[in-house]
Amino acid sequence: LAFLLLRGFRRNLAGFSGAYLFRTADGAVAAGAHFANGRMEILHKEFAAYNVAVTFKDPAALRRFLFSRDQDILASILANDVAVDGNLNYIYKFGFMARDLVQRLGVA
């Protein structure tokens, strides 16, 4: 919805392509996002063609990350709650887009 309504937010995707996989180590949760041609597609299952995969130790670690005030992926890595496979630059891009959206919506 943000991509449709917030013209300025769409600039974050100009020329960007990448695939993100978020999952838990036990396989109970898996989802992803694929960005290409200025669009985003949500994926509701695990897939192999990702640029970066974030694997949370367990569903509780995923909840702690999602509902934390700061959502610092580095702190989660250091706490052994998460493992990252792939290019970390994609994680920082995703974090930037999430923070930008929160600021534009005025929810933080």
N, C-alpha and C. Protein backbone atom coordinates (compact mmCIF):
# COMPACT_ATOMS: atom_id res chain seq x y z
N LEU A 1 0.82 -1.18 0.00
CA LEU A 1 0.00 0.00 0.00
C LEU A 1 0.87 1.25 0.00
N ALA A 2 1.97 1.21 0.78
CA ALA A 2 2.86 2.37 0.84
C ALA A 2 3.46 2.68 -0.52
N PHE A 3 3.74 1.64 -1.31
CA PHE A 3 4.32 1.86 -2.63
C PHE A 3 3.33 2.57 -3.55
N LEU A 4 2.05 2.32 -3.36
CA LEU A 4 1.03 2.94 -4.19
C LEU A 4 0.72 4.36 -3.77
N LEU A 5 0.69 4.59 -2.47
CA LEU A 5 0.23 5.89 -1.96
C LEU A 5 1.34 6.92 -1.72
N LEU A 6 2.52 6.46 -1.43
CA LEU A 6 3.60 7.38 -1.08
C LEU A 6 4.62 7.47 -2.21
N ARG A 7 4.44 8.44 -3.08
CA ARG A 7 5.31 8.59 -4.25
C ARG A 7 6.78 8.70 -3.84
N GLY A 8 7.08 9.48 -2.81
CA GLY A 8 8.46 9.64 -2.36
C GLY A 8 9.08 8.34 -1.87
N PHE A 9 8.25 7.48 -1.28
CA PHE A 9 8.76 6.21 -0.78
C PHE A 9 9.17 5.30 -1.93
N ARG A 10 8.50 5.40 -3.06
CA ARG A 10 8.82 4.58 -4.23
C ARG A 10 10.23 4.83 -4.74
N ARG A 11 10.77 6.01 -4.45
CA ARG A 11 12.15 6.30 -4.87
C ARG A 11 13.14 5.33 -4.25
N ASN A 12 12.80 4.76 -3.09
CA ASN A 12 13.68 3.78 -2.44
C ASN A 12 13.91 2.56 -3.31
N LEU A 13 13.01 2.30 -4.24
CA LEU A 13 13.10 1.11 -5.07
C LEU A 13 13.63 1.39 -6.47
N ALA A 14 13.86 2.64 -6.80
CA ALA A 14 14.33 2.98 -8.15
C ALA A 14 15.65 2.28 -8.43
N GLY A 15 15.66 1.43 -9.43
CA GLY A 15 16.87 0.71 -9.82
C GLY A 15 17.32 -0.38 -8.86
N PHE A 16 16.50 -0.71 -7.87
CA PHE A 16 16.87 -1.70 -6.87
C PHE A 16 16.24 -3.04 -7.18
N SER A 17 17.02 -4.09 -7.04
CA SER A 17 16.46 -5.44 -7.12
C SER A 17 17.13 -6.30 -6.05
N GLY A 18 16.38 -7.18 -5.47
CA GLY A 18 16.92 -8.05 -4.44
C GLY A 18 15.83 -8.94 -3.87
N ALA A 19 16.26 -10.04 -3.28
CA ALA A 19 15.33 -10.98 -2.66
C ALA A 19 15.77 -11.26 -1.23
N TYR A 20 14.83 -11.13 -0.32
CA TYR A 20 15.06 -11.33 1.11
C TYR A 20 14.27 -12.55 1.57
N LEU A 21 14.91 -13.38 2.37
CA LEU A 21 14.23 -14.52 2.99
C LEU A 21 14.35 -14.37 4.50
N PHE A 22 13.22 -14.45 5.18
CA PHE A 22 13.16 -14.42 6.64
C PHE A 22 12.57 -15.76 7.08
N ARG A 23 13.25 -16.44 8.00
CA ARG A 23 12.78 -17.76 8.42
C ARG A 23 13.24 -18.05 9.84
N THR A 24 12.64 -19.08 10.42
CA THR A 24 13.11 -19.58 11.70
C THR A 24 13.89 -20.87 11.44
N ALA A 25 14.82 -21.18 12.32
CA ALA A 25 15.70 -22.34 12.13
C ALA A 25 14.92 -23.65 12.06
N ASP A 26 13.79 -23.71 12.75
CA ASP A 26 13.00 -24.95 12.74
C ASP A 26 12.07 -25.06 11.53
N GLY A 27 12.05 -24.04 10.68
CA GLY A 27 11.23 -24.07 9.48
C GLY A 27 9.76 -23.74 9.71
N ALA A 28 9.40 -23.39 10.94
CA ALA A 28 7.99 -23.09 11.24
C ALA A 28 7.51 -21.82 10.55
N VAL A 29 8.41 -20.87 10.36
CA VAL A 29 8.07 -19.59 9.74
C VAL A 29 9.03 -19.35 8.59
N ALA A 30 8.49 -18.99 7.43
CA ALA A 30 9.32 -18.60 6.29
C ALA A 30 8.52 -17.64 5.43
N ALA A 31 9.14 -16.53 5.10
CA ALA A 31 8.51 -15.53 4.25
C ALA A 31 9.61 -14.73 3.59
N GLY A 32 9.25 -14.03 2.56
CA GLY A 32 10.26 -13.26 1.87
C GLY A 32 9.68 -12.09 1.12
N ALA A 33 10.57 -11.33 0.56
CA ALA A 33 10.19 -10.19 -0.27
C ALA A 33 11.14 -10.14 -1.45
N HIS A 34 10.56 -9.92 -2.62
CA HIS A 34 11.35 -9.81 -3.84
C HIS A 34 11.08 -8.43 -4.44
N PHE A 35 12.16 -7.68 -4.66
CA PHE A 35 12.08 -6.35 -5.22
C PHE A 35 12.67 -6.37 -6.62
N ALA A 36 11.93 -5.85 -7.60
CA ALA A 36 12.43 -5.74 -8.97
C ALA A 36 11.54 -4.79 -9.75
N ASN A 37 12.14 -4.03 -10.64
CA ASN A 37 11.39 -3.12 -11.52
C ASN A 37 10.48 -2.17 -10.76
N GLY A 38 10.94 -1.67 -9.60
CA GLY A 38 10.16 -0.73 -8.82
C GLY A 38 8.96 -1.33 -8.11
N ARG A 39 8.92 -2.64 -8.01
CA ARG A 39 7.80 -3.33 -7.38
C ARG A 39 8.29 -4.27 -6.28
N MET A 40 7.38 -4.62 -5.39
CA MET A 40 7.69 -5.57 -4.33
C MET A 40 6.67 -6.70 -4.37
N GLU A 41 7.15 -7.93 -4.27
CA GLU A 41 6.29 -9.10 -4.21
C GLU A 41 6.56 -9.80 -2.88
N ILE A 42 5.51 -10.11 -2.14
CA ILE A 42 5.62 -10.84 -0.88
C ILE A 42 5.56 -12.33 -1.18
N LEU A 43 6.47 -13.08 -0.61
CA LEU A 43 6.52 -14.53 -0.80
C LEU A 43 6.21 -15.20 0.54
N HIS A 44 5.36 -16.18 0.53
CA HIS A 44 4.89 -16.81 1.77
C HIS A 44 5.47 -18.19 1.99
N LYS A 45 6.65 -18.43 1.45
CA LYS A 45 7.30 -19.72 1.63
C LYS A 45 8.80 -19.55 1.45
N GLU A 46 9.54 -20.56 1.81
CA GLU A 46 11.00 -20.52 1.65
C GLU A 46 11.36 -20.67 0.17
N PHE A 47 12.44 -20.03 -0.25
CA PHE A 47 12.90 -20.10 -1.62
C PHE A 47 14.42 -20.04 -1.63
N ALA A 48 15.04 -20.50 -2.69
CA ALA A 48 16.50 -20.64 -2.73
C ALA A 48 17.20 -19.44 -3.36
N ALA A 49 16.54 -18.70 -4.22
CA ALA A 49 17.19 -17.61 -4.96
C ALA A 49 17.09 -16.29 -4.20
N TYR A 50 17.80 -16.17 -3.08
CA TYR A 50 17.78 -14.94 -2.29
C TYR A 50 19.15 -14.26 -2.34
N ASN A 51 19.13 -12.96 -2.06
CA ASN A 51 20.38 -12.22 -1.90
C ASN A 51 20.85 -12.27 -0.46
N VAL A 52 19.88 -12.34 0.45
CA VAL A 52 20.20 -12.46 1.86
C VAL A 52 19.08 -13.23 2.55
N ALA A 53 19.50 -14.12 3.46
CA ALA A 53 18.54 -14.88 4.28
C ALA A 53 18.84 -14.57 5.74
N VAL A 54 17.79 -14.28 6.47
CA VAL A 54 17.89 -14.02 7.90
C VAL A 54 17.18 -15.17 8.60
N THR A 55 17.94 -15.95 9.37
CA THR A 55 17.38 -17.11 10.06
C THR A 55 17.37 -16.83 11.56
N PHE A 56 16.17 -16.77 12.11
CA PHE A 56 16.01 -16.55 13.54
C PHE A 56 16.09 -17.88 14.26
N LYS A 57 16.72 -17.86 15.43
CA LYS A 57 16.95 -19.08 16.22
C LYS A 57 15.66 -19.84 16.49
N ASP A 58 14.60 -19.11 16.79
CA ASP A 58 13.31 -19.71 17.08
C ASP A 58 12.23 -18.64 16.92
N PRO A 59 10.96 -19.03 16.96
CA PRO A 59 9.90 -18.03 16.82
C PRO A 59 9.97 -16.91 17.88
N ALA A 60 10.43 -17.23 19.07
CA ALA A 60 10.55 -16.20 20.12
C ALA A 60 11.59 -15.15 19.73
N ALA A 61 12.69 -15.57 19.13
CA ALA A 61 13.71 -14.61 18.68
C ALA A 61 13.15 -13.70 17.59
N LEU A 62 12.34 -14.27 16.70
CA LEU A 62 11.69 -13.48 15.66
C LEU A 62 10.75 -12.45 16.27
N ARG A 63 9.94 -12.87 17.24
CA ARG A 63 9.03 -11.94 17.90
C ARG A 63 9.80 -10.84 18.63
N ARG A 64 10.88 -11.20 19.32
CA ARG A 64 11.68 -10.18 20.03
C ARG A 64 12.21 -9.15 19.04
N PHE A 65 12.66 -9.61 17.88
CA PHE A 65 13.19 -8.68 16.89
C PHE A 65 12.07 -7.79 16.32
N LEU A 66 10.96 -8.40 15.93
CA LEU A 66 9.88 -7.64 15.30
C LEU A 66 9.26 -6.61 16.23
N PHE A 67 9.16 -6.94 17.51
CA PHE A 67 8.50 -6.04 18.44
C PHE A 67 9.46 -5.20 19.27
N SER A 68 10.76 -5.28 18.96
CA SER A 68 11.70 -4.44 19.70
C SER A 68 11.60 -3.00 19.21
N ARG A 69 11.93 -2.11 20.04
CA ARG A 69 11.84 -0.69 19.69
C ARG A 69 12.90 -0.30 18.66
N ASP A 70 14.09 -0.90 18.75
CA ASP A 70 15.19 -0.48 17.88
C ASP A 70 15.39 -1.39 16.66
N GLN A 71 14.99 -2.62 16.71
CA GLN A 71 15.17 -3.60 15.64
C GLN A 71 16.59 -3.54 15.08
N ASP A 72 17.54 -3.76 15.95
CA ASP A 72 18.96 -3.73 15.58
C ASP A 72 19.41 -5.14 15.21
N ILE A 73 19.60 -5.40 13.93
CA ILE A 73 19.98 -6.73 13.47
C ILE A 73 21.35 -7.12 14.01
N LEU A 74 22.26 -6.15 14.13
CA LEU A 74 23.58 -6.45 14.66
C LEU A 74 23.49 -6.94 16.11
N ALA A 75 22.65 -6.30 16.91
CA ALA A 75 22.47 -6.75 18.30
C ALA A 75 21.89 -8.16 18.33
N SER A 76 20.98 -8.47 17.41
CA SER A 76 20.41 -9.82 17.35
C SER A 76 21.46 -10.85 16.95
N ILE A 77 22.35 -10.48 16.04
CA ILE A 77 23.44 -11.37 15.64
C ILE A 77 24.36 -11.63 16.83
N LEU A 78 24.72 -10.58 17.54
CA LEU A 78 25.62 -10.71 18.69
C LEU A 78 24.99 -11.51 19.83
N ALA A 79 23.67 -11.47 19.93
CA ALA A 79 22.97 -12.24 20.97
C ALA A 79 22.70 -13.68 20.53
N ASN A 80 23.21 -14.06 19.35
CA ASN A 80 23.00 -15.39 18.78
C ASN A 80 21.53 -15.72 18.57
N ASP A 81 20.71 -14.69 18.33
CA ASP A 81 19.30 -14.90 18.03
C ASP A 81 19.06 -15.06 16.54
N VAL A 82 20.04 -14.66 15.73
CA VAL A 82 19.84 -14.64 14.29
C VAL A 82 21.15 -14.95 13.57
N ALA A 83 21.02 -15.59 12.42
CA ALA A 83 22.17 -15.83 11.54
C ALA A 83 21.82 -15.23 10.18
N VAL A 84 22.81 -14.65 9.54
CA VAL A 84 22.60 -14.01 8.24
C VAL A 84 23.46 -14.72 7.21
N ASP A 85 22.85 -15.07 6.10
CA ASP A 85 23.54 -15.71 4.99
C ASP A 85 23.34 -14.83 3.76
N GLY A 86 24.41 -14.31 3.22
CA GLY A 86 24.31 -13.45 2.04
C GLY A 86 24.92 -12.09 2.30
N ASN A 87 24.53 -11.14 1.50
CA ASN A 87 25.10 -9.80 1.51
C ASN A 87 24.41 -8.92 2.57
N LEU A 88 25.17 -8.52 3.60
CA LEU A 88 24.61 -7.70 4.68
C LEU A 88 24.13 -6.33 4.19
N ASN A 89 24.65 -5.84 3.09
CA ASN A 89 24.19 -4.55 2.57
C ASN A 89 22.69 -4.56 2.30
N TYR A 90 22.15 -5.71 1.92
CA TYR A 90 20.71 -5.81 1.68
C TYR A 90 19.94 -5.63 2.97
N ILE A 91 20.49 -6.10 4.07
CA ILE A 91 19.83 -5.92 5.37
C ILE A 91 19.77 -4.44 5.72
N TYR A 92 20.86 -3.73 5.51
CA TYR A 92 20.87 -2.30 5.81
C TYR A 92 19.90 -1.54 4.92
N LYS A 93 19.78 -1.92 3.65
CA LYS A 93 18.82 -1.29 2.73
C LYS A 93 17.40 -1.54 3.24
N PHE A 94 17.11 -2.76 3.65
CA PHE A 94 15.78 -3.10 4.15
C PHE A 94 15.47 -2.29 5.42
N GLY A 95 16.44 -2.19 6.31
CA GLY A 95 16.26 -1.40 7.53
C GLY A 95 16.00 0.06 7.22
N PHE A 96 16.73 0.60 6.25
CA PHE A 96 16.51 1.99 5.84
C PHE A 96 15.09 2.17 5.32
N MET A 97 14.63 1.26 4.46
CA MET A 97 13.29 1.37 3.90
C MET A 97 12.23 1.28 5.00
N ALA A 98 12.44 0.38 5.97
CA ALA A 98 11.48 0.23 7.07
C ALA A 98 11.42 1.50 7.93
N ARG A 99 12.60 2.05 8.28
CA ARG A 99 12.62 3.28 9.08
C ARG A 99 12.01 4.45 8.31
N ASP A 100 12.31 4.55 7.03
CA ASP A 100 11.75 5.62 6.20
C ASP A 100 10.23 5.53 6.17
N LEU A 101 9.70 4.33 6.02
CA LEU A 101 8.24 4.15 5.99
C LEU A 101 7.62 4.54 7.32
N VAL A 102 8.22 4.11 8.40
CA VAL A 102 7.69 4.46 9.74
C VAL A 102 7.67 5.97 9.93
N GLN A 103 8.71 6.66 9.51
CA GLN A 103 8.75 8.13 9.64
C GLN A 103 7.69 8.79 8.76
N ARG A 104 7.53 8.30 7.53
CA ARG A 104 6.54 8.88 6.62
C ARG A 104 5.12 8.69 7.14
N LEU A 105 4.87 7.56 7.80
CA LEU A 105 3.55 7.29 8.34
C LEU A 105 3.33 7.95 9.70
N GLY A 106 4.42 8.41 10.31
CA GLY A 106 4.31 9.09 11.60
C GLY A 106 3.93 8.19 12.76
N VAL A 107 4.34 6.93 12.68
CA VAL A 107 3.99 6.00 13.75
C VAL A 107 5.10 5.81 14.77
N ALA A 108 6.23 6.47 14.58
CA ALA A 108 7.32 6.33 15.55
C ALA A 108 7.54 7.62 16.29
